[in-house]
Amino acid sequence: MKIVRIGGGSSELASAEKIGAKAANLARMAALGLPVPPAFVLPVRLCADIVAGKADATRHLLDGLQEGIGFLEAATGKSFGDYRRPLLVSVRSGAARSMPGMLDTVLNVGCTLTAVRGLIRSSGRPRLAWDCRRRFLESYAETVAGLDPAPLALRLGELVVAEGVESDRDLDSEALERLAFDERKLVEDSDDGWLEDAAMQLERAARAVYLSWMSERAQTYRRLEGLQHLEGTAVTVQAMVFGNGGPSSGAGVAFSRDPSTGAAQPVIDVLFDAQGEDVVSGRRTPDTERTLARALPSVANELGAVLARLEQEFRDVQDIEFTIEDGKMWILQTRSAKRTPRAALRIAIDLVHEGLITREQAQERLAAIDLAALVEASLISTRPAVAAGIGASAGIAAGRAAFDSEGAQRLAAAGDPVILMRPDTSTADIAGFAAAAGIVTAVGARTAHASLVARQMGKPCLVGCTELGVDTVAQCARIGEHIVSAGDWITVDGNEGRLYLGRCEIALRRPEAELAELASWQGEHRAEPALS
């Protein structure tokens, strides 16, 4: 089995079918000279063997990991699990077609206590080191060891309260060190050596990512999107860069154009002093492009240039993930952006006007969209909104409130439109997304994985609705003085970021100008004489 190296002086390129679209695009960015942390990829074809438990699969996995770690150590000048200059890695998935948030990721792999001491020694930042340790324990315990994350989340919440701070970002190094040791106690019953064995952590994390191909949410997504033909996922192991190192560091997601409306302006979400999972998980509400431009203007300018270059290179709207480490930007991923059907029409026409694609290519990209049903919604008359949030996916929908996927599917089966109301955006709710006419969450981001899925499905989505409190056990939501129970009518406006009680009247209109332009292209194509 052959691994594929990315960055670190390597110029290898491989197809998405072999190493997944994520890794294939990562290799293209490295070849363009963009700042990409070095990585190596275990191929898609190993996935089926791991899932089937074939006898030689483990040997191929271990051999590939050993070879790849040697490459990363040479590329970075660090050593995996070292006590002086430790190398930490992320372990990520990647199929031939994008499946945002449906497969597993494990960050900070190799963060043993020895590596913690080494990270303190090499960086001079004990807070960074202990934050990486506790993040690793939380991620590995849930994703790889299969443990309930609730006790660890509870301990974190208790510590935040005890320290009198607003969130984990405000905990100092001493508190994070205590948290890491408390979390170790919570997971040590599952420890058969993995807690302090970097190689074991890596092998099991890679195996878990491969096995996530068969998770319920991944299978549901493939069925909904007609991707059952895909053969599996690759596994990308990449040198960690740290967005959780202080105020000049952070992690974010950026779109080269607005994937909700199609407007030709970047959409950027960023969390300072954070890692990538904080953004894409939807569990926190990030800052926007304006904040980034004020805080780190040189990074904002570089990011804008990268977005423009990638759009030119891939000839489509790009969705990238990035990390800022001490003021330096690194690009971790790019892919064609998931977009609403309305945005897809506008983007396709604009890209033709800009000379990036042909009219024929635009029509091919729009072939899967029911243009006859494409409409823009607006509210005819409104009562006062009861809550405001961030419009993550444009459109307006009214429906009966549901508070979990099962409730959404049950109400939808009865024939009523449904609004799924959740504490945060999670791809675990994929079945509920499919059943719902709209989605509302208390926290989250425009760029969270679940927001991407909502746009792809053309469902209005409102995130970061801070006035909203969802009680999934009691099956109700509190919005200020109002209580919304299961089955109550509500209206979500993803255009303006507003939430209304009751069933508001909605007006629909078609984007006639753009549809007429598209029809004129089709007429010209039909009128072209056949070649003799």
Protein backbone atom coordinates (compact mmCIF):
# COMPACT_ATOMS: atom_id res chain seq x y z
CA MET A 1 0.00 0.00 0.00
CA LYS A 2 1.34 3.42 -0.99
CA ILE A 3 0.77 6.57 1.02
CA VAL A 4 0.58 9.99 -0.64
CA ARG A 5 2.66 12.84 0.78
CA ILE A 6 1.47 16.46 0.76
CA GLY A 7 3.64 19.52 1.31
CA GLY A 8 7.04 19.36 2.95
CA GLY A 9 8.73 19.50 -0.44
CA SER A 10 6.51 16.82 -1.97
CA SER A 11 4.76 17.55 -5.26
CA GLU A 12 2.68 14.36 -5.42
CA LEU A 13 -0.83 14.65 -6.87
CA ALA A 14 -3.49 11.94 -6.83
CA SER A 15 -7.13 11.61 -7.80
CA ALA A 16 -10.06 12.17 -5.47
CA GLU A 17 -11.10 8.55 -6.09
CA LYS A 18 -7.77 7.40 -4.65
CA ILE A 19 -7.19 9.75 -1.72
CA GLY A 20 -10.50 11.59 -1.32
CA ALA A 21 -11.47 15.04 -2.55
CA LYS A 22 -10.21 16.77 0.61
CA ALA A 23 -6.67 15.39 0.28
CA ALA A 24 -6.60 15.81 -3.52
CA ASN A 25 -7.44 19.51 -3.14
CA LEU A 26 -4.93 19.84 -0.29
CA ALA A 27 -2.22 18.50 -2.62
CA ARG A 28 -3.25 20.97 -5.33
CA MET A 29 -3.01 23.87 -2.88
CA ALA A 30 0.43 22.74 -1.74
CA ALA A 31 1.52 22.54 -5.39
CA LEU A 32 0.31 26.14 -5.85
CA GLY A 33 2.62 27.22 -3.05
CA LEU A 34 -0.18 28.07 -0.61
CA PRO A 35 0.56 27.66 3.12
CA VAL A 36 -0.52 24.06 3.79
CA PRO A 37 0.76 22.07 6.80
CA PRO A 38 2.51 18.87 5.65
CA ALA A 39 0.36 15.74 5.60
CA PHE A 40 0.16 12.19 4.32
CA VAL A 41 -2.83 10.18 3.16
CA LEU A 42 -3.87 6.56 3.64
CA PRO A 43 -5.92 5.60 0.55
CA VAL A 44 -9.63 5.03 0.10
CA ARG A 45 -9.13 1.39 -0.87
CA LEU A 46 -7.93 0.53 2.65
CA CYS A 47 -11.31 1.62 4.07
CA ALA A 48 -13.23 -1.44 2.89
CA ASP A 49 -10.55 -3.77 4.26
CA ILE A 50 -10.60 -2.05 7.67
CA VAL A 51 -14.40 -2.13 7.81
CA ALA A 52 -14.41 -5.83 6.80
CA GLY A 53 -11.71 -6.65 9.37
CA LYS A 54 -9.41 -8.30 6.83
CA ALA A 55 -6.32 -9.91 8.27
CA ASP A 56 -3.72 -7.84 6.39
CA ALA A 57 -5.54 -4.51 6.84
CA THR A 58 -3.94 -3.76 10.21
CA ARG A 59 -0.44 -4.44 8.85
CA HIS A 60 -1.05 -2.08 5.91
CA LEU A 61 -2.43 0.54 8.31
CA LEU A 62 0.53 0.34 10.69
CA ASP A 63 3.11 0.34 7.88
CA GLY A 64 1.48 3.37 6.26
CA LEU A 65 1.35 5.27 9.54
CA GLN A 66 4.97 4.53 10.36
CA GLU A 67 6.14 5.66 6.93
CA GLY A 68 3.97 8.76 7.03
CA ILE A 69 5.04 9.86 10.50
CA GLY A 70 8.65 9.61 9.36
CA PHE A 71 7.81 11.99 6.51
CA LEU A 72 6.08 14.46 8.83
CA GLU A 73 8.97 14.39 11.30
CA ALA A 74 11.43 15.18 8.51
CA ALA A 75 9.17 17.94 7.12
CA THR A 76 8.59 19.66 10.48
CA GLY A 77 11.78 18.99 12.41
CA LYS A 78 9.63 17.62 15.24
CA SER A 79 9.27 14.11 16.68
CA PHE A 80 6.01 12.32 17.38
CA GLY A 81 5.42 12.11 21.14
CA ASP A 82 8.78 13.76 21.87
CA TYR A 83 9.70 15.43 25.17
CA ARG A 84 11.53 18.31 23.48
CA ARG A 85 9.86 19.21 20.16
CA PRO A 86 6.71 17.11 19.98
CA LEU A 87 4.77 16.59 16.77
CA LEU A 88 1.00 16.48 17.20
CA VAL A 89 -1.25 15.49 14.32
CA SER A 90 -4.86 15.67 13.20
CA VAL A 91 -6.53 12.58 11.75
CA ARG A 92 -9.22 13.48 9.22
CA SER A 93 -11.57 11.76 6.81
CA GLY A 94 -12.19 12.45 3.13
CA ALA A 95 -14.31 10.64 0.54
CA ALA A 96 -14.26 11.22 -3.22
CA ARG A 97 -17.31 13.48 -2.74
CA SER A 98 -17.68 15.96 0.08
CA MET A 99 -19.67 14.73 3.11
CA PRO A 100 -19.39 17.72 5.48
CA GLY A 101 -19.37 16.70 9.13
CA MET A 102 -20.62 13.17 8.47
CA LEU A 103 -17.33 11.39 9.17
CA ASP A 104 -15.04 11.59 12.18
CA THR A 105 -12.00 13.76 12.96
CA VAL A 106 -9.58 13.50 15.87
CA LEU A 107 -7.29 16.44 16.71
CA ASN A 108 -4.16 16.75 18.85
CA VAL A 109 -3.25 13.08 18.46
CA GLY A 110 0.06 12.27 20.16
CA CYS A 111 -0.64 14.60 23.08
CA THR A 112 0.72 12.39 25.85
CA LEU A 113 1.92 13.85 29.14
CA THR A 114 5.44 13.60 27.75
CA ALA A 115 4.37 15.62 24.72
CA VAL A 116 2.67 18.18 26.99
CA ARG A 117 5.97 18.77 28.78
CA GLY A 118 7.71 19.02 25.42
CA LEU A 119 5.16 21.50 24.10
CA ILE A 120 5.65 23.67 27.19
CA ARG A 121 9.41 23.48 26.72
CA SER A 122 9.34 24.29 23.00
CA SER A 123 6.59 26.94 23.01
CA GLY A 124 6.88 28.47 26.46
CA ARG A 125 3.09 28.32 26.69
CA PRO A 126 1.74 25.99 29.36
CA ARG A 127 -1.83 27.09 28.65
CA LEU A 128 -1.56 25.97 25.01
CA ALA A 129 -0.09 22.62 26.04
CA TRP A 130 -2.72 21.79 28.64
CA ASP A 131 -5.52 23.01 26.39
CA CYS A 132 -4.31 20.59 23.69
CA ARG A 133 -4.18 17.77 26.23
CA ARG A 134 -7.73 18.24 27.47
CA ARG A 135 -9.03 18.72 23.92
CA PHE A 136 -7.35 15.47 22.90
CA LEU A 137 -8.90 13.59 25.83
CA GLU A 138 -12.36 14.92 25.03
CA SER A 139 -12.10 14.14 21.31
CA TYR A 140 -10.48 10.72 21.64
CA ALA A 141 -12.77 9.58 24.46
CA GLU A 142 -15.92 10.19 22.41
CA THR A 143 -14.75 9.46 18.87
CA VAL A 144 -12.30 6.59 19.38
CA ALA A 145 -12.99 5.05 22.80
CA GLY A 146 -16.75 5.42 22.36
CA LEU A 147 -17.26 6.91 25.82
CA ASP A 148 -20.16 9.15 26.83
CA PRO A 149 -18.94 12.77 26.47
CA ALA A 150 -21.39 14.05 29.09
CA PRO A 151 -19.20 13.51 32.20
CA LEU A 152 -16.30 15.36 30.60
CA ALA A 153 -18.55 18.21 29.47
CA LEU A 154 -20.03 18.37 32.96
CA ARG A 155 -16.59 18.62 34.56
CA LEU A 156 -15.63 21.40 32.14
CA GLY A 157 -18.85 23.27 32.93
CA GLU A 158 -18.29 22.91 36.68
CA LEU A 159 -14.77 24.27 36.36
CA VAL A 160 -15.90 27.28 34.33
CA VAL A 161 -18.43 28.12 37.06
CA ALA A 162 -15.94 27.53 39.87
CA GLU A 163 -13.35 29.77 38.23
CA GLY A 164 -15.93 32.52 37.69
CA VAL A 165 -15.26 32.83 33.94
CA GLU A 166 -17.56 32.91 30.93
CA SER A 167 -16.18 29.95 28.96
CA ASP A 168 -13.30 27.52 28.59
CA ARG A 169 -11.42 30.17 26.59
CA ASP A 170 -11.03 32.14 29.83
CA LEU A 171 -9.50 29.33 31.88
CA ASP A 172 -5.83 29.84 32.79
CA SER A 173 -3.09 27.24 32.44
CA GLU A 174 -3.38 26.03 36.04
CA ALA A 175 -7.11 25.44 35.68
CA LEU A 176 -6.63 23.63 32.37
CA GLU A 177 -3.96 21.42 33.93
CA ARG A 178 -6.40 20.44 36.70
CA LEU A 179 -9.09 19.84 34.09
CA ALA A 180 -6.79 17.56 32.09
CA PHE A 181 -6.01 15.44 35.13
CA ASP A 182 -9.69 15.32 36.16
CA GLU A 183 -10.65 14.21 32.65
CA ARG A 184 -7.92 11.57 32.69
CA LYS A 185 -9.51 10.09 35.82
CA LEU A 186 -12.88 10.01 34.04
CA VAL A 187 -11.51 8.01 31.09
CA GLU A 188 -8.77 5.89 32.68
CA ASP A 189 -11.05 2.86 33.09
CA SER A 190 -10.86 2.54 29.29
CA ASP A 191 -7.07 2.92 29.27
CA ASP A 192 -5.20 -0.12 27.99
CA GLY A 193 -2.14 1.96 27.30
CA TRP A 194 -3.51 4.56 24.87
CA LEU A 195 -3.37 7.50 27.29
CA GLU A 196 0.42 7.71 27.10
CA ASP A 197 1.23 5.82 23.89
CA ALA A 198 1.28 8.19 20.89
CA ALA A 199 1.61 5.39 18.32
CA MET A 200 -1.41 3.57 19.76
CA GLN A 201 -3.43 6.79 19.73
CA LEU A 202 -2.63 7.31 16.06
CA GLU A 203 -3.43 3.77 14.95
CA ARG A 204 -6.75 3.75 16.77
CA ALA A 205 -7.71 7.24 15.61
CA ALA A 206 -7.05 6.30 11.98
CA ARG A 207 -9.05 3.11 12.40
CA ALA A 208 -11.95 5.05 13.97
CA VAL A 209 -12.02 7.50 11.06
CA TYR A 210 -12.17 4.63 8.58
CA LEU A 211 -14.95 2.93 10.58
CA SER A 212 -16.97 6.16 10.73
CA TRP A 213 -17.77 5.44 7.08
CA MET A 214 -20.42 3.04 8.37
CA SER A 215 -21.91 5.38 11.00
CA GLU A 216 -25.66 5.92 10.89
CA ARG A 217 -25.38 9.60 9.97
CA ALA A 218 -22.89 8.89 7.18
CA GLN A 219 -25.08 6.17 5.69
CA THR A 220 -28.16 8.40 5.96
CA TYR A 221 -26.35 11.25 4.19
CA ARG A 222 -25.15 9.00 1.36
CA ARG A 223 -28.68 7.70 0.88
CA LEU A 224 -30.19 11.20 0.84
CA GLU A 225 -27.57 12.55 -1.57
CA GLY A 226 -27.37 9.51 -3.87
CA LEU A 227 -23.77 8.71 -2.93
CA GLN A 228 -24.13 4.99 -2.24
CA HIS A 229 -21.65 4.27 -5.04
CA LEU A 230 -18.72 5.77 -3.11
CA GLU A 231 -16.18 3.16 -2.04
CA GLY A 232 -15.11 4.64 1.30
CA THR A 233 -13.07 7.36 2.94
CA ALA A 234 -9.37 8.10 2.91
CA VAL A 235 -7.56 9.12 6.10
CA THR A 236 -5.39 12.26 6.10
CA VAL A 237 -2.83 12.67 8.89
CA GLN A 238 -1.61 16.26 9.08
CA ALA A 239 0.82 18.16 11.28
CA MET A 240 -1.11 20.25 13.79
CA VAL A 241 -0.98 24.02 13.68
CA PHE A 242 -2.42 25.66 16.74
CA GLY A 243 -5.22 28.19 16.65
CA ASN A 244 -5.61 27.98 20.43
CA GLY A 245 -2.36 29.80 21.24
CA GLY A 246 -3.74 33.21 22.17
CA PRO A 247 -5.43 36.32 20.71
CA SER A 248 -3.32 36.36 17.52
CA SER A 249 -4.33 32.78 16.78
CA GLY A 250 -7.64 31.26 15.79
CA ALA A 251 -9.57 29.02 13.44
CA GLY A 252 -12.20 29.73 10.85
CA VAL A 253 -14.15 28.89 7.74
CA ALA A 254 -14.48 31.15 4.70
CA PHE A 255 -16.53 31.12 1.50
CA SER A 256 -15.38 32.99 -1.58
CA ARG A 257 -19.02 34.04 -2.17
CA ASP A 258 -22.18 33.99 -0.08
CA PRO A 259 -23.45 30.39 -0.35
CA SER A 260 -26.89 31.39 0.89
CA THR A 261 -27.70 34.19 -1.55
CA GLY A 262 -24.97 33.87 -4.18
CA ALA A 263 -23.74 37.44 -3.61
CA ALA A 264 -20.18 37.99 -4.85
CA GLN A 265 -18.68 38.75 -1.45
CA PRO A 266 -16.73 36.51 0.95
CA VAL A 267 -18.40 35.08 4.03
CA ILE A 268 -15.97 34.45 6.89
CA ASP A 269 -16.48 33.03 10.38
CA VAL A 270 -13.57 32.98 12.83
CA LEU A 271 -13.03 32.09 16.47
CA PHE A 272 -9.93 33.48 18.12
CA ASP A 273 -7.91 31.29 20.48
CA ALA A 274 -9.72 28.21 19.15
CA GLN A 275 -9.32 25.08 17.07
CA GLY A 276 -11.21 24.16 13.91
CA GLU A 277 -13.74 21.84 15.51
CA ASP A 278 -14.97 24.79 17.63
CA VAL A 279 -16.15 26.47 14.42
CA VAL A 280 -17.49 23.63 12.27
CA SER A 281 -19.20 21.78 15.14
CA GLY A 282 -21.74 24.59 15.51
CA ARG A 283 -21.42 24.58 19.29
CA ARG A 284 -20.09 28.16 19.45
CA THR A 285 -21.07 31.38 17.71
CA PRO A 286 -18.04 32.93 15.96
CA ASP A 287 -16.95 36.39 14.94
CA THR A 288 -17.21 37.57 11.33
CA GLU A 289 -15.00 39.00 8.59
CA ARG A 290 -15.31 42.49 10.08
CA THR A 291 -13.79 41.39 13.37
CA LEU A 292 -10.97 39.57 11.59
CA ALA A 293 -10.19 42.67 9.51
CA ARG A 294 -9.95 44.79 12.68
CA ALA A 295 -7.93 42.32 14.73
CA LEU A 296 -5.55 40.89 12.11
CA PRO A 297 -5.76 43.03 8.95
CA SER A 298 -2.79 41.39 7.21
CA VAL A 299 -4.34 37.94 7.70
CA ALA A 300 -7.69 39.22 6.42
CA ASN A 301 -6.03 40.58 3.28
CA GLU A 302 -4.11 37.36 2.71
CA LEU A 303 -7.26 35.32 3.19
CA GLY A 304 -9.12 37.42 0.62
CA ALA A 305 -6.33 36.88 -1.89
CA VAL A 306 -6.30 33.13 -1.24
CA LEU A 307 -10.07 32.91 -1.73
CA ALA A 308 -9.83 34.74 -5.06
CA ARG A 309 -6.95 32.55 -6.23
CA LEU A 310 -8.67 29.31 -5.29
CA GLU A 311 -11.87 30.36 -7.02
CA GLN A 312 -9.86 31.02 -10.17
CA GLU A 313 -8.00 27.69 -9.83
CA PHE A 314 -11.08 25.53 -9.18
CA ARG A 315 -13.50 27.69 -11.21
CA ASP A 316 -16.17 27.48 -8.56
CA VAL A 317 -17.13 29.01 -5.23
CA GLN A 318 -14.78 27.67 -2.56
CA ASP A 319 -15.36 26.74 1.07
CA ILE A 320 -12.07 26.72 2.98
CA GLU A 321 -11.01 25.93 6.53
CA PHE A 322 -8.06 27.84 7.94
CA THR A 323 -6.03 28.18 11.12
CA ILE A 324 -4.11 31.24 12.29
CA GLU A 325 -1.06 30.41 14.41
CA ASP A 326 0.62 33.44 15.97
CA GLY A 327 -0.51 35.67 13.09
CA LYS A 328 0.41 33.21 10.31
CA MET A 329 -2.40 31.70 8.25
CA TRP A 330 -2.52 28.05 7.21
CA ILE A 331 -5.06 26.53 4.82
CA LEU A 332 -6.37 23.14 5.93
CA GLN A 333 -9.01 22.44 3.30
CA THR A 334 -10.81 23.74 0.25
CA ARG A 335 -13.85 22.35 -1.55
CA SER A 336 -16.65 23.52 -3.78
CA ALA A 337 -19.15 25.22 -1.51
CA LYS A 338 -22.55 23.74 -0.73
CA ARG A 339 -25.12 26.37 -1.71
CA THR A 340 -28.84 26.97 -1.74
CA PRO A 341 -30.63 26.35 -5.08
CA ARG A 342 -31.26 30.09 -5.37
CA ALA A 343 -27.58 30.85 -4.81
CA ALA A 344 -26.59 28.15 -7.30
CA LEU A 345 -28.50 29.94 -10.07
CA ARG A 346 -26.98 33.34 -9.33
CA ILE A 347 -23.46 31.94 -8.95
CA ALA A 348 -23.61 29.94 -12.18
CA ILE A 349 -24.67 33.02 -14.17
CA ASP A 350 -22.07 35.25 -12.50
CA LEU A 351 -19.27 32.76 -13.19
CA VAL A 352 -20.26 32.74 -16.87
CA HIS A 353 -20.18 36.54 -16.95
CA GLU A 354 -16.73 36.49 -15.34
CA GLY A 355 -15.40 34.00 -17.88
CA LEU A 356 -14.64 31.28 -15.33
CA ILE A 357 -17.04 28.72 -16.84
CA THR A 358 -18.93 28.32 -20.09
CA ARG A 359 -22.68 28.50 -20.54
CA GLU A 360 -22.73 24.75 -21.09
CA GLN A 361 -20.88 24.15 -17.83
CA ALA A 362 -23.31 26.44 -16.00
CA GLN A 363 -26.27 24.46 -17.34
CA GLU A 364 -24.62 21.20 -16.29
CA ARG A 365 -24.15 22.52 -12.75
CA LEU A 366 -27.83 23.50 -12.59
CA ALA A 367 -29.14 20.27 -14.09
CA ALA A 368 -30.02 18.72 -10.72
CA ILE A 369 -32.05 21.77 -9.61
CA ASP A 370 -35.77 21.97 -10.26
CA LEU A 371 -35.76 25.44 -11.81
CA ALA A 372 -39.53 25.37 -12.28
CA ALA A 373 -39.92 25.24 -8.50
CA LEU A 374 -37.24 27.84 -7.74
CA VAL A 375 -38.73 30.77 -5.84
CA GLU A 376 -37.74 33.59 -3.50
CA ALA A 377 -39.83 33.91 -0.35
CA SER A 378 -40.76 37.03 1.61
CA LEU A 379 -43.14 37.77 4.46
CA ILE A 380 -46.28 39.68 3.42
CA SER A 381 -47.00 41.13 6.83
CA THR A 382 -45.36 40.34 10.11
CA ARG A 383 -46.00 40.60 13.77
CA PRO A 384 -42.97 41.53 15.91
CA ALA A 385 -40.22 38.91 15.83
CA VAL A 386 -39.67 37.10 19.13
CA ALA A 387 -36.00 36.34 18.44
CA ALA A 388 -33.16 37.21 16.09
CA GLY A 389 -30.17 35.21 14.94
CA ILE A 390 -27.86 34.63 12.00
CA GLY A 391 -29.37 33.60 8.70
CA ALA A 392 -27.29 30.57 7.70
CA SER A 393 -29.49 29.50 4.80
CA ALA A 394 -31.86 31.85 2.98
CA GLY A 395 -35.58 31.31 2.66
CA ILE A 396 -38.70 31.40 4.80
CA ALA A 397 -40.66 28.48 6.22
CA ALA A 398 -43.55 28.02 8.61
CA GLY A 399 -44.14 24.75 10.39
CA ARG A 400 -44.85 22.89 13.59
CA ALA A 401 -42.08 22.87 16.19
CA ALA A 402 -40.09 19.68 16.79
CA PHE A 403 -37.12 19.31 19.11
CA ASP A 404 -35.38 16.19 17.85
CA SER A 405 -35.08 14.21 14.64
CA GLU A 406 -37.62 11.61 15.73
CA GLY A 407 -40.24 14.28 16.47
CA ALA A 408 -39.56 16.01 13.15
CA GLN A 409 -39.99 12.78 11.23
CA ARG A 410 -43.19 11.95 13.12
CA LEU A 411 -44.83 15.34 12.46
CA ALA A 412 -43.72 15.33 8.83
CA ALA A 413 -45.20 11.87 8.34
CA ALA A 414 -48.54 13.29 9.53
CA GLY A 415 -48.43 15.75 6.62
CA ASP A 416 -47.45 18.97 8.37
CA PRO A 417 -44.37 21.10 7.64
CA VAL A 418 -41.89 21.02 10.51
CA ILE A 419 -39.40 23.47 12.02
CA LEU A 420 -36.60 21.61 13.82
CA MET A 421 -35.45 23.56 16.90
CA ARG A 422 -32.16 22.46 18.46
CA PRO A 423 -29.64 23.78 21.02
CA ASP A 424 -26.91 23.68 18.37
CA THR A 425 -26.30 22.58 14.80
CA SER A 426 -25.14 18.99 14.60
CA THR A 427 -24.77 16.65 11.66
CA ALA A 428 -26.17 13.93 13.90
CA ASP A 429 -29.54 15.55 13.13
CA ILE A 430 -29.31 14.75 9.41
CA ALA A 431 -32.54 12.72 9.38
CA GLY A 432 -34.38 15.57 11.11
CA PHE A 433 -32.95 18.06 8.60
CA ALA A 434 -34.34 15.98 5.76
CA ALA A 435 -37.81 15.88 7.36
CA ALA A 436 -37.90 19.57 8.34
CA ALA A 437 -38.96 22.60 6.30
CA GLY A 438 -36.61 24.83 8.34
CA ILE A 439 -34.05 24.72 11.17
CA VAL A 440 -33.46 27.01 14.17
CA THR A 441 -30.64 26.73 16.73
CA ALA A 442 -29.61 28.62 19.85
CA VAL A 443 -25.89 28.65 18.96
CA GLY A 444 -23.90 27.95 15.82
CA ALA A 445 -22.36 29.54 12.77
CA ARG A 446 -23.11 30.20 9.12
CA THR A 447 -20.16 27.97 8.32
CA ALA A 448 -20.86 25.04 10.66
CA HIS A 449 -21.12 21.67 8.95
CA ALA A 450 -24.83 21.42 9.71
CA SER A 451 -25.45 24.85 8.14
CA LEU A 452 -23.71 23.61 5.00
CA VAL A 453 -26.06 20.63 4.87
CA ALA A 454 -29.11 22.87 5.37
CA ARG A 455 -28.06 25.02 2.40
CA GLN A 456 -27.42 21.98 0.25
CA MET A 457 -30.95 20.78 1.04
CA GLY A 458 -32.39 24.25 0.38
CA LYS A 459 -33.81 24.52 3.93
CA PRO A 460 -34.07 27.94 5.64
CA CYS A 461 -31.76 27.91 8.65
CA LEU A 462 -31.37 30.37 11.54
CA VAL A 463 -28.42 29.88 13.92
CA GLY A 464 -26.98 31.77 16.87
CA CYS A 465 -30.45 32.63 18.17
CA THR A 466 -29.33 33.62 21.66
CA GLU A 467 -32.84 34.31 23.01
CA LEU A 468 -33.75 30.68 22.37
CA GLY A 469 -33.49 28.01 25.07
CA VAL A 470 -34.28 24.47 23.93
CA ASP A 471 -35.20 21.72 26.40
CA THR A 472 -35.01 18.47 24.46
CA VAL A 473 -36.12 16.43 27.47
CA ALA A 474 -39.28 18.49 28.13
CA GLN A 475 -39.81 18.89 24.35
CA CYS A 476 -40.24 22.64 24.46
CA ALA A 477 -38.40 25.89 23.90
CA ARG A 478 -38.37 29.16 25.82
CA ILE A 479 -38.04 32.44 23.94
CA GLY A 480 -38.11 35.24 26.47
CA GLU A 481 -41.49 34.97 28.17
CA HIS A 482 -42.90 32.69 25.48
CA ILE A 483 -43.02 28.88 25.60
CA VAL A 484 -43.08 26.91 22.35
CA SER A 485 -44.32 23.33 22.71
CA ALA A 486 -44.03 20.45 20.28
CA GLY A 487 -46.51 20.96 17.45
CA ASP A 488 -46.87 24.74 17.88
CA TRP A 489 -46.65 26.79 14.70
CA ILE A 490 -43.60 29.02 14.21
CA THR A 491 -42.08 30.84 11.24
CA VAL A 492 -38.36 31.11 10.49
CA ASP A 493 -36.98 33.83 8.21
CA GLY A 494 -33.51 32.83 7.05
CA ASN A 495 -33.26 35.95 4.87
CA GLU A 496 -33.44 38.47 7.70
CA GLY A 497 -32.49 36.21 10.61
CA ARG A 498 -35.82 36.46 12.44
CA LEU A 499 -38.09 34.02 14.29
CA TYR A 500 -41.87 34.53 14.65
CA LEU A 501 -44.54 32.81 16.66
CA GLY A 502 -47.41 31.39 14.68
CA ARG A 503 -47.91 30.85 10.97
CA CYS A 504 -46.98 33.97 9.02
CA GLU A 505 -48.22 34.62 5.49
CA ILE A 506 -45.52 34.07 2.89
CA ALA A 507 -45.27 35.50 -0.63
CA LEU A 508 -43.33 33.70 -3.35
CA ARG A 509 -41.79 35.14 -6.50
CA ARG A 510 -39.56 33.70 -9.16
CA PRO A 511 -36.11 35.12 -10.09
CA GLU A 512 -37.39 35.90 -13.56
CA ALA A 513 -34.39 37.84 -14.91
CA GLU A 514 -31.88 35.07 -14.18
CA LEU A 515 -34.26 32.33 -15.35
CA ALA A 516 -34.82 34.27 -18.60
CA GLU A 517 -31.08 34.55 -19.19
CA LEU A 518 -30.66 30.82 -18.61
CA ALA A 519 -33.54 30.09 -21.00
CA SER A 520 -31.92 32.28 -23.66
CA TRP A 521 -28.75 30.18 -23.47
CA GLN A 522 -30.77 27.02 -23.88
CA GLY A 523 -32.57 28.55 -26.88
CA GLU A 524 -29.28 29.54 -28.49
CA HIS A 525 -27.93 26.04 -27.95
CA ARG A 526 -30.97 24.45 -29.60
CA ALA A 527 -30.75 26.88 -32.50
CA GLU A 528 -27.13 26.05 -33.31
CA PRO A 529 -26.87 24.19 -36.65
CA ALA A 530 -25.60 20.63 -36.55
CA LEU A 531 -22.08 20.07 -37.83
CA SER A 532 -21.92 18.12 -41.06
